[in-house]
Amino acid sequence: MPILGLRGRLTAIGVFGLTIGLALGGVVLLGALGFVLQRTVDTEAFRTADAVALLAAEDALPDPLPVAGGQVRVQVVDEQGRIRAASIDADRLVPMVRPERLDRTGRQRLEVPAERVGLVGPVRVVAVPAGTAADPLTVLVARSMADVRHSIHVVRVILLVAFPLLVAVLAGVAWRVVGATLRPVEQLRRGAEEITGRAGAGRLPVPASADEIHRLAVTLNGMLDRLESARVRQRAFVSDAAHELRSPLTNIRTELEVAQRLADRTDWTAVTANLLTDTDRLSRLVDDLLLLARLDETPPTRGTGPVELGALLTDVAARYPSPPVRVTPPAGPLWTIGTVEELRRVLANLVDNAVRHADGSVVLAAEATGPDVGAYHLVTVTDDGPGIPVADRERVFDRFTRLDDGRARDDGGAGLGLAIVRELVRRAGGSITLTDAPDQRGLRVCLLLPALPAEDGQR
């Protein structure tokens, strides 16, 4: 069974709704038309009956009663059902309505058989009290409803003929309008197909109309730009990773080839030490790459429990048993929400980086921030090394970034430490910035980590 496309489904839904609406409108129109015509007939009949009743009240009934129109019959009957006066075409022996059906005290509307009155089609009869209290009479006026029924029938036929034609015309118009509306969508599809079929970046056509399709095209182009940026970053990341992996592998291969050629003259102790150094460097690089890949794939989670920053700083500084690393303890316990392993990795990377470039000392400190900053604790790592130029302080957080000055000349670093730090800090709900050290020599790394009240941290 063929499946309608979006254009066909939208047209079918519109035509179906239009058909239902027109059908309901036709039924309402016929009902309203019948009601109005019937009320018109009743109004004219009551007008005639009131005029005859006025003559009966003055005891001035002519015989026959003067009535205009061949589709009207008038009778004046008494309480016994005898006919006192009638129009020229009305029956003078048999009343149009049986006496037991009449209400002598009010005005009535009745339906009677056509053969009883001598008119064509259904007959409408109105009854109006007349006469005096001593001689009560009732005026009966009958009008044929044939013209009314004929008018309704004509309108019904016109609607039955015109509605299908109108629906067909409107269906054609809807098909064209829906097609014109969906034309930008088709252009987007073709643009996407062309982008898929060729290498490199591309953009989808944006329609001039400021509607939902225009916003969709803008959103899709933004998504394509982000995908292209991600593709470029991924390509650069893979290229840099391959280059960084090649260096220790090349060193290992060179060491082994030299040792093989020298044979008995090889100092295997020195070769083993060099191989272990390159292997450690390779292992650290692989671990860092795997960590970054895991951070890219998994959504950030705001910690698993409370962490006391003072104890964490002391634990990280204990990895360096002798100066230059020292800790300035906070005035009291400072609690934050996070993963202990991830926060320890952040501080360890920062301290390792600071120790490599410090001239004399590295200071770790933590303190509570003021109300202008918000519910955060400030952790700082300060060294007295050469520092980082202001223009490069954002770029150093990019992956595989090395600066050209003396601060970047580390032993075996691949430029991933600060990138890992930034990702872990973001996952913890904090931020990281680089500033000058207080004495204008060296670098201070400032971490803002979410604060947790002391009573919550000690639970």
Protein backbone atom coordinates (compact mmCIF):
# COMPACT_ATOMS: atom_id res chain seq x y z
CA MET A 1 0.00 0.00 0.00
CA PRO A 2 1.60 3.29 -1.03
CA ILE A 3 2.30 5.74 1.75
CA LEU A 4 1.41 9.37 1.17
CA GLY A 5 4.19 11.88 1.46
CA LEU A 6 4.09 14.85 3.78
CA ARG A 7 2.52 17.00 1.08
CA GLY A 8 -0.19 14.43 0.44
CA ARG A 9 -0.89 13.92 4.15
CA LEU A 10 -1.18 17.63 4.83
CA THR A 11 -3.47 18.08 1.83
CA ALA A 12 -5.59 15.10 2.84
CA ILE A 13 -5.93 16.37 6.41
CA GLY A 14 -6.86 19.84 5.19
CA VAL A 15 -9.41 18.54 2.66
CA PHE A 16 -10.91 16.18 5.23
CA GLY A 17 -11.30 18.97 7.76
CA LEU A 18 -12.71 21.25 5.07
CA THR A 19 -15.25 18.58 4.02
CA ILE A 20 -16.39 18.07 7.61
CA GLY A 21 -16.68 21.83 8.10
CA LEU A 22 -18.64 22.35 4.90
CA ALA A 23 -20.95 19.42 5.69
CA LEU A 24 -21.70 20.79 9.15
CA GLY A 25 -22.15 24.25 7.68
CA GLY A 26 -24.58 22.89 5.09
CA VAL A 27 -26.65 21.12 7.75
CA VAL A 28 -26.75 24.27 9.87
CA LEU A 29 -27.66 26.36 6.80
CA LEU A 30 -30.54 24.07 5.86
CA GLY A 31 -31.80 24.01 9.43
CA ALA A 32 -31.62 27.79 9.75
CA LEU A 33 -33.27 28.30 6.36
CA GLY A 34 -36.15 25.94 7.25
CA PHE A 35 -36.63 27.65 10.61
CA VAL A 36 -36.66 31.15 9.09
CA LEU A 37 -39.08 30.22 6.30
CA GLN A 38 -41.42 28.49 8.72
CA ARG A 39 -41.38 31.48 11.04
CA THR A 40 -42.16 33.69 8.06
CA VAL A 41 -45.16 31.54 7.14
CA ASP A 42 -46.38 31.60 10.77
CA THR A 43 -45.97 35.36 10.99
CA GLU A 44 -48.01 35.98 7.84
CA ALA A 45 -50.67 33.49 8.97
CA PHE A 46 -50.95 35.15 12.38
CA ARG A 47 -51.21 38.55 10.72
CA THR A 48 -54.13 37.33 8.64
CA ALA A 49 -55.73 35.63 11.67
CA ASP A 50 -55.41 38.78 13.80
CA ALA A 51 -57.12 40.83 11.10
CA VAL A 52 -60.03 38.36 10.91
CA ALA A 53 -60.20 38.19 14.72
CA LEU A 54 -60.56 41.98 14.81
CA LEU A 55 -63.52 41.77 12.44
CA ALA A 56 -65.06 38.99 14.58
CA ALA A 57 -64.73 41.10 17.70
CA GLU A 58 -66.66 43.91 15.97
CA ASP A 59 -69.23 41.40 14.70
CA ALA A 60 -68.42 42.47 11.17
CA LEU A 61 -67.34 39.18 9.55
CA PRO A 62 -67.98 39.26 5.80
CA ASP A 63 -68.85 36.05 3.99
CA PRO A 64 -66.81 34.93 2.23
CA LEU A 65 -63.76 36.21 4.10
CA PRO A 66 -61.51 38.31 1.88
CA VAL A 67 -58.11 36.56 1.66
CA ALA A 68 -55.32 37.28 -0.80
CA GLY A 69 -53.45 34.32 -2.36
CA GLY A 70 -54.56 30.91 -3.49
CA GLN A 71 -52.44 29.02 -0.93
CA VAL A 72 -54.33 30.40 2.12
CA ARG A 73 -57.51 29.05 3.71
CA VAL A 74 -59.40 30.81 6.55
CA GLN A 75 -62.20 29.55 8.77
CA VAL A 76 -63.98 30.99 11.82
CA VAL A 77 -65.41 28.26 14.07
CA ASP A 78 -67.36 28.32 17.30
CA GLU A 79 -67.09 26.08 20.35
CA GLN A 80 -69.13 23.30 18.75
CA GLY A 81 -66.90 23.25 15.68
CA ARG A 82 -69.46 24.92 13.40
CA ILE A 83 -68.07 27.17 10.71
CA ARG A 84 -69.36 30.75 11.05
CA ALA A 85 -67.38 32.19 8.13
CA ALA A 86 -64.82 31.00 5.62
CA SER A 87 -62.71 32.19 2.74
CA ILE A 88 -63.90 31.53 -0.77
CA ASP A 89 -61.79 28.35 -1.19
CA ALA A 90 -62.24 26.97 2.34
CA ASP A 91 -64.56 24.13 3.27
CA ARG A 92 -67.81 25.40 4.87
CA LEU A 93 -68.83 22.08 6.48
CA VAL A 94 -65.68 20.46 7.95
CA PRO A 95 -63.31 22.54 10.09
CA MET A 96 -59.60 22.35 9.25
CA VAL A 97 -58.78 21.33 12.86
CA ARG A 98 -60.83 19.03 15.01
CA PRO A 99 -62.42 20.93 17.94
CA GLU A 100 -60.72 18.77 20.57
CA ARG A 101 -57.26 19.88 19.30
CA LEU A 102 -58.01 23.55 19.76
CA ASP A 103 -56.99 25.60 22.80
CA ARG A 104 -59.59 28.34 23.19
CA THR A 105 -57.40 30.43 25.48
CA GLY A 106 -54.16 30.83 23.49
CA ARG A 107 -52.56 31.05 20.10
CA GLN A 108 -51.54 27.75 18.48
CA ARG A 109 -49.44 26.38 15.64
CA LEU A 110 -50.59 23.06 14.20
CA GLU A 111 -49.76 20.64 11.39
CA VAL A 112 -52.73 19.11 9.53
CA PRO A 113 -52.98 16.72 6.59
CA ALA A 114 -53.11 18.42 3.19
CA GLU A 115 -56.25 16.56 2.07
CA ARG A 116 -58.24 17.95 5.02
CA VAL A 117 -57.58 21.50 3.85
CA GLY A 118 -57.44 21.00 0.10
CA LEU A 119 -53.91 22.38 -0.35
CA VAL A 120 -50.75 20.84 -1.80
CA GLY A 121 -48.02 19.54 0.47
CA PRO A 122 -47.80 19.81 4.24
CA VAL A 123 -50.09 22.44 5.71
CA ARG A 124 -49.40 24.79 8.59
CA VAL A 125 -52.43 26.03 10.59
CA VAL A 126 -52.46 28.81 13.17
CA ALA A 127 -55.35 29.31 15.60
CA VAL A 128 -56.22 32.66 17.24
CA PRO A 129 -59.02 33.16 19.78
CA ALA A 130 -61.69 35.67 18.65
CA GLY A 131 -65.27 36.73 19.34
CA THR A 132 -66.63 37.70 22.71
CA ALA A 133 -66.99 36.03 26.08
CA ALA A 134 -70.61 35.23 25.28
CA ASP A 135 -69.78 33.91 21.86
CA PRO A 136 -66.18 32.64 21.74
CA LEU A 137 -64.82 31.94 18.29
CA THR A 138 -61.52 30.68 16.88
CA VAL A 139 -59.91 31.92 13.66
CA LEU A 140 -58.07 29.20 11.71
CA VAL A 141 -55.63 30.19 8.99
CA ALA A 142 -53.97 27.47 6.91
CA ARG A 143 -50.98 27.98 4.62
CA SER A 144 -49.31 25.46 2.37
CA MET A 145 -45.66 24.64 3.15
CA ALA A 146 -45.01 23.38 -0.37
CA ASP A 147 -43.09 26.50 -1.36
CA VAL A 148 -41.00 26.28 1.77
CA ARG A 149 -40.19 22.61 1.19
CA HIS A 150 -39.41 23.34 -2.45
CA SER A 151 -37.03 26.16 -1.49
CA ILE A 152 -35.21 23.93 1.01
CA HIS A 153 -35.00 21.15 -1.57
CA VAL A 154 -33.50 23.52 -4.15
CA VAL A 155 -30.92 24.76 -1.67
CA ARG A 156 -30.10 21.17 -0.67
CA VAL A 157 -29.54 20.16 -4.30
CA ILE A 158 -27.37 23.21 -4.90
CA LEU A 159 -25.26 22.36 -1.86
CA LEU A 160 -24.91 18.71 -2.87
CA VAL A 161 -23.71 19.76 -6.31
CA ALA A 162 -21.62 22.76 -5.30
CA PHE A 163 -19.87 21.27 -2.25
CA PRO A 164 -17.97 18.50 -4.10
CA LEU A 165 -16.89 21.00 -6.76
CA LEU A 166 -15.82 23.47 -4.07
CA VAL A 167 -13.94 20.75 -2.19
CA ALA A 168 -12.18 19.68 -5.40
CA VAL A 169 -11.16 23.26 -6.20
CA LEU A 170 -9.96 23.89 -2.66
CA ALA A 171 -8.08 20.56 -2.67
CA GLY A 172 -6.20 21.70 -5.78
CA VAL A 173 -5.45 25.05 -4.17
CA ALA A 174 -4.32 23.32 -0.95
CA TRP A 175 -2.06 21.00 -2.95
CA ARG A 176 -0.37 23.98 -4.60
CA VAL A 177 -0.13 25.98 -1.38
CA VAL A 178 1.30 23.04 0.59
CA GLY A 179 3.75 22.38 -2.23
CA ALA A 180 4.87 26.01 -2.20
CA THR A 181 5.19 25.89 1.58
CA LEU A 182 7.26 22.70 1.53
CA ARG A 183 9.48 23.82 -1.35
CA PRO A 184 12.08 25.28 1.07
CA VAL A 185 12.09 21.92 2.89
CA GLU A 186 12.89 20.16 -0.39
CA GLN A 187 15.65 22.68 -1.00
CA LEU A 188 17.03 21.90 2.44
CA ARG A 189 16.95 18.19 1.63
CA ARG A 190 18.79 18.71 -1.65
CA GLY A 191 21.32 20.92 0.08
CA ALA A 192 21.90 18.29 2.75
CA GLU A 193 22.30 15.63 0.05
CA GLU A 194 24.88 17.76 -1.76
CA ILE A 195 26.77 18.37 1.49
CA THR A 196 26.74 14.64 2.24
CA GLY A 197 28.02 13.81 -1.22
CA ARG A 198 31.07 16.05 -1.09
CA ALA A 199 33.92 16.54 1.31
CA GLY A 200 34.39 19.72 3.29
CA ALA A 201 32.04 22.18 4.88
CA GLY A 202 28.79 23.34 3.36
CA ARG A 203 25.72 25.37 4.18
CA LEU A 204 22.04 24.81 3.58
CA PRO A 205 19.97 27.40 1.69
CA VAL A 206 18.13 29.74 4.03
CA PRO A 207 14.68 30.88 2.80
CA ALA A 208 13.95 34.60 2.90
CA SER A 209 10.70 34.18 4.84
CA ALA A 210 11.01 34.64 8.59
CA ASP A 211 9.07 31.50 9.54
CA GLU A 212 9.68 28.12 11.14
CA ILE A 213 11.52 26.78 8.07
CA HIS A 214 13.81 29.82 8.11
CA ARG A 215 14.62 29.17 11.77
CA LEU A 216 15.12 25.47 11.00
CA ALA A 217 17.59 26.30 8.24
CA VAL A 218 19.50 28.69 10.53
CA THR A 219 19.59 26.06 13.28
CA LEU A 220 20.78 23.35 10.88
CA ASN A 221 23.51 25.63 9.52
CA GLY A 222 24.62 26.32 13.07
CA MET A 223 24.68 22.58 13.70
CA LEU A 224 26.73 22.05 10.51
CA ASP A 225 29.18 24.73 11.63
CA ARG A 226 29.57 23.02 15.00
CA LEU A 227 30.00 19.63 13.33
CA GLU A 228 32.62 21.07 11.00
CA SER A 229 34.43 22.66 13.92
CA ALA A 230 34.28 19.35 15.79
CA ARG A 231 35.56 17.54 12.71
CA VAL A 232 38.45 19.98 12.36
CA ARG A 233 39.26 19.64 16.07
CA GLN A 234 39.05 15.88 15.85
CA ARG A 235 41.32 15.80 12.81
CA ALA A 236 43.82 18.08 14.56
CA PHE A 237 43.51 16.01 17.74
CA VAL A 238 44.19 12.75 15.88
CA SER A 239 47.09 14.33 14.01
CA ASP A 240 48.63 15.70 17.20
CA ALA A 241 48.03 12.44 19.04
CA ALA A 242 49.67 10.48 16.25
CA HIS A 243 52.64 12.87 16.29
CA GLU A 244 52.98 12.63 20.08
CA LEU A 245 52.72 8.84 20.00
CA ARG A 246 55.25 8.64 17.21
CA SER A 247 57.98 10.38 19.23
CA PRO A 248 58.33 7.82 22.07
CA LEU A 249 57.80 4.95 19.65
CA THR A 250 60.57 6.32 17.44
CA ASN A 251 62.87 6.64 20.45
CA ILE A 252 62.11 3.07 21.52
CA ARG A 253 62.72 1.75 18.01
CA THR A 254 65.98 3.70 17.71
CA GLU A 255 67.23 2.43 21.07
CA LEU A 256 66.45 -1.16 20.11
CA GLU A 257 68.02 -0.89 16.65
CA VAL A 258 71.24 0.62 18.08
CA ALA A 259 71.38 -2.03 20.79
CA GLN A 260 70.89 -4.76 18.19
CA ARG A 261 73.71 -3.48 15.99
CA LEU A 262 76.15 -2.98 18.85
CA ALA A 263 75.31 -6.42 20.21
CA ASP A 264 77.89 -7.27 22.93
CA ARG A 265 78.99 -3.65 23.33
CA THR A 266 75.47 -2.53 24.32
CA ASP A 267 74.98 -1.14 27.82
CA TRP A 268 71.71 -2.87 28.49
CA THR A 269 71.27 -1.11 31.82
CA ALA A 270 71.24 2.30 30.10
CA VAL A 271 69.06 0.98 27.27
CA THR A 272 66.56 -0.41 29.75
CA ALA A 273 66.44 2.88 31.63
CA ASN A 274 65.83 4.83 28.40
CA LEU A 275 63.17 2.38 27.26
CA LEU A 276 61.40 2.62 30.61
CA THR A 277 61.46 6.43 30.39
CA ASP A 278 59.92 6.38 26.91
CA THR A 279 57.45 3.70 27.99
CA ASP A 280 56.36 5.81 30.96
CA ARG A 281 55.93 8.82 28.70
CA LEU A 282 53.92 6.73 26.25
CA SER A 283 51.80 5.30 29.05
CA ARG A 284 51.05 8.77 30.45
CA LEU A 285 50.10 10.02 27.01
CA VAL A 286 47.78 7.07 26.37
CA ASP A 287 46.18 7.51 29.79
CA ASP A 288 45.62 11.22 29.12
CA LEU A 289 44.10 10.50 25.71
CA LEU A 290 41.78 7.88 27.18
CA LEU A 291 40.74 10.27 29.95
CA LEU A 292 39.94 13.05 27.46
CA ALA A 293 37.98 10.62 25.31
CA ARG A 294 35.99 9.50 28.35
CA LEU A 295 35.31 13.11 29.35
CA ASP A 296 34.10 13.91 25.84
CA GLU A 297 31.74 10.95 25.77
CA THR A 298 30.21 11.01 29.25
CA PRO A 299 27.92 13.84 30.40
CA PRO A 300 29.13 15.89 33.36
CA THR A 301 27.88 14.82 36.79
CA ARG A 302 27.89 17.25 39.68
CA GLY A 303 29.96 15.22 42.14
CA THR A 304 29.33 12.15 44.22
CA GLY A 305 29.91 13.51 47.67
CA PRO A 306 31.44 16.23 49.87
CA VAL A 307 35.19 16.89 49.62
CA GLU A 308 37.18 18.91 52.19
CA LEU A 309 39.58 21.16 50.27
CA GLY A 310 42.12 21.71 53.06
CA ALA A 311 42.71 17.97 53.46
CA LEU A 312 42.86 17.53 49.71
CA LEU A 313 45.54 20.23 49.34
CA THR A 314 47.60 18.63 52.09
CA ASP A 315 47.29 15.21 50.47
CA VAL A 316 48.42 16.52 47.06
CA ALA A 317 51.33 18.47 48.55
CA ALA A 318 52.49 15.32 50.37
CA ARG A 319 53.59 13.92 47.00
CA TYR A 320 56.46 16.44 47.18
CA PRO A 321 58.20 15.66 50.48
CA SER A 322 60.62 18.58 50.21
CA PRO A 323 60.18 22.19 49.12
CA PRO A 324 59.29 23.99 46.91
CA VAL A 325 55.63 22.94 47.50
CA ARG A 326 53.96 24.29 50.62
CA VAL A 327 50.34 24.66 51.72
CA THR A 328 48.60 27.66 53.25
CA PRO A 329 45.77 25.95 55.19
CA PRO A 330 42.35 27.60 55.25
CA ALA A 331 40.97 29.13 58.45
CA GLY A 332 38.37 26.37 58.72
CA PRO A 333 37.01 23.38 56.83
CA LEU A 334 36.01 24.22 53.25
CA TRP A 335 33.62 21.70 51.72
CA THR A 336 32.79 21.29 48.05
CA ILE A 337 30.81 18.78 46.00
CA GLY A 338 32.81 16.62 43.63
CA THR A 339 34.68 13.45 42.93
CA VAL A 340 37.80 13.12 45.04
CA GLU A 341 39.80 11.40 42.29
CA GLU A 342 38.95 14.06 39.70
CA LEU A 343 39.71 16.99 42.04
CA ARG A 344 42.99 15.32 43.09
CA ARG A 345 43.89 14.93 39.40
CA VAL A 346 43.17 18.63 38.84
CA LEU A 347 45.43 19.76 41.66
CA ALA A 348 48.14 17.21 40.83
CA ASN A 349 48.32 18.41 37.20
CA LEU A 350 48.49 22.05 38.29
CA VAL A 351 51.16 21.38 40.91
CA ASP A 352 53.23 19.25 38.48
CA ASN A 353 53.08 22.05 35.94
CA ALA A 354 53.98 24.68 38.54
CA VAL A 355 56.90 22.65 39.95
CA ARG A 356 58.41 22.19 36.47
CA HIS A 357 58.52 25.92 35.89
CA ALA A 358 58.94 27.42 39.35
CA ASP A 359 62.23 29.08 40.23
CA GLY A 360 61.86 28.68 43.97
CA SER A 361 58.48 27.76 45.44
CA VAL A 362 54.90 26.69 44.78
CA VAL A 363 52.13 27.68 47.17
CA LEU A 364 48.75 25.95 47.50
CA ALA A 365 45.95 27.86 49.23
CA ALA A 366 42.18 27.70 49.68
CA GLU A 367 39.75 30.26 51.05
CA ALA A 368 36.05 31.11 51.05
CA THR A 369 34.98 33.79 48.58
CA GLY A 370 32.93 36.85 49.42
CA PRO A 371 29.20 37.24 48.73
CA ASP A 372 29.94 39.14 45.49
CA VAL A 373 31.36 35.95 43.93
CA GLY A 374 28.64 33.59 45.12
CA ALA A 375 28.63 30.16 46.76
CA TYR A 376 32.16 29.18 45.69
CA HIS A 377 35.50 28.41 47.31
CA LEU A 378 38.73 29.77 45.82
CA VAL A 379 41.70 27.42 45.40
CA THR A 380 44.98 28.94 44.13
CA VAL A 381 48.24 27.43 42.88
CA THR A 382 50.99 30.08 42.74
CA ASP A 383 54.55 29.72 41.43
CA ASP A 384 57.43 32.16 40.88
CA GLY A 385 58.35 30.99 37.40
CA PRO A 386 58.43 32.96 34.12
CA GLY A 387 54.62 33.12 33.89
CA ILE A 388 52.45 33.00 30.77
CA PRO A 389 51.75 36.02 28.53
CA VAL A 390 48.22 37.37 28.80
CA ALA A 391 47.55 36.69 25.12
CA ASP A 392 48.31 32.97 25.59
CA ARG A 393 46.42 32.32 28.85
CA GLU A 394 43.34 30.99 27.10
CA ARG A 395 45.20 29.13 24.38
CA VAL A 396 47.19 27.02 26.84
CA PHE A 397 43.98 25.15 27.74
CA ASP A 398 43.73 23.79 24.19
CA ARG A 399 44.87 20.24 23.64
CA PHE A 400 48.51 19.65 22.54
CA THR A 401 49.31 23.34 23.01
CA ARG A 402 52.92 24.28 23.76
CA LEU A 403 54.22 27.80 24.10
CA ASP A 404 57.50 28.93 22.60
CA ASP A 405 58.94 30.43 25.77
CA GLY A 406 60.93 28.70 28.48
CA ARG A 407 57.82 27.75 30.47
CA ALA A 408 56.76 25.22 27.82
CA ARG A 409 60.05 23.34 27.76
CA ASP A 410 58.95 20.52 30.05
CA ASP A 411 60.23 17.00 30.17
CA GLY A 412 58.06 14.83 27.98
CA GLY A 413 54.85 16.89 28.33
CA ALA A 414 52.34 16.52 25.52
CA GLY A 415 50.29 19.65 26.21
CA LEU A 416 47.30 17.78 27.64
CA GLY A 417 47.58 18.60 31.34
CA LEU A 418 45.72 21.93 31.33
CA ALA A 419 43.15 20.62 28.86
CA ILE A 420 42.36 17.80 31.28
CA VAL A 421 42.20 20.27 34.17
CA ARG A 422 39.69 22.50 32.42
CA GLU A 423 37.42 19.58 31.49
CA LEU A 424 37.46 18.19 35.05
CA VAL A 425 36.79 21.62 36.58
CA ARG A 426 33.84 22.14 34.25
CA ARG A 427 32.45 18.75 35.26
CA ALA A 428 32.72 19.81 38.91
CA GLY A 429 30.66 22.94 38.18
CA GLY A 430 33.57 25.35 38.65
CA SER A 431 35.83 27.59 36.57
CA ILE A 432 39.55 28.18 36.12
CA THR A 433 41.49 31.34 35.24
CA LEU A 434 45.15 32.33 35.00
CA THR A 435 46.42 35.56 36.55
CA ASP A 436 49.70 37.15 37.55
CA ALA A 437 51.22 36.22 40.89
CA PRO A 438 50.85 38.87 43.63
CA ASP A 439 54.48 40.03 43.26
CA GLN A 440 54.08 40.30 39.45
CA ARG A 441 56.51 37.42 38.93
CA GLY A 442 55.15 33.99 38.25
CA LEU A 443 51.69 32.65 37.62
CA ARG A 444 48.63 32.12 39.80
CA VAL A 445 45.99 29.56 38.82
CA CYS A 446 42.59 30.36 40.37
CA LEU A 447 39.95 27.64 40.77
CA LEU A 448 36.38 28.44 41.77
CA LEU A 449 34.65 25.33 43.12
CA PRO A 450 31.03 25.10 44.35
CA ALA A 451 30.76 25.67 48.09
CA LEU A 452 28.94 23.30 50.40
CA PRO A 453 27.84 24.38 53.92
CA ALA A 454 29.96 22.88 56.67
CA GLU A 455 27.01 21.15 58.32
CA ASP A 456 26.20 19.40 55.02
CA GLY A 457 29.80 18.36 54.43
CA GLN A 458 30.18 16.76 57.86
CA ARG A 459 27.10 14.54 57.61
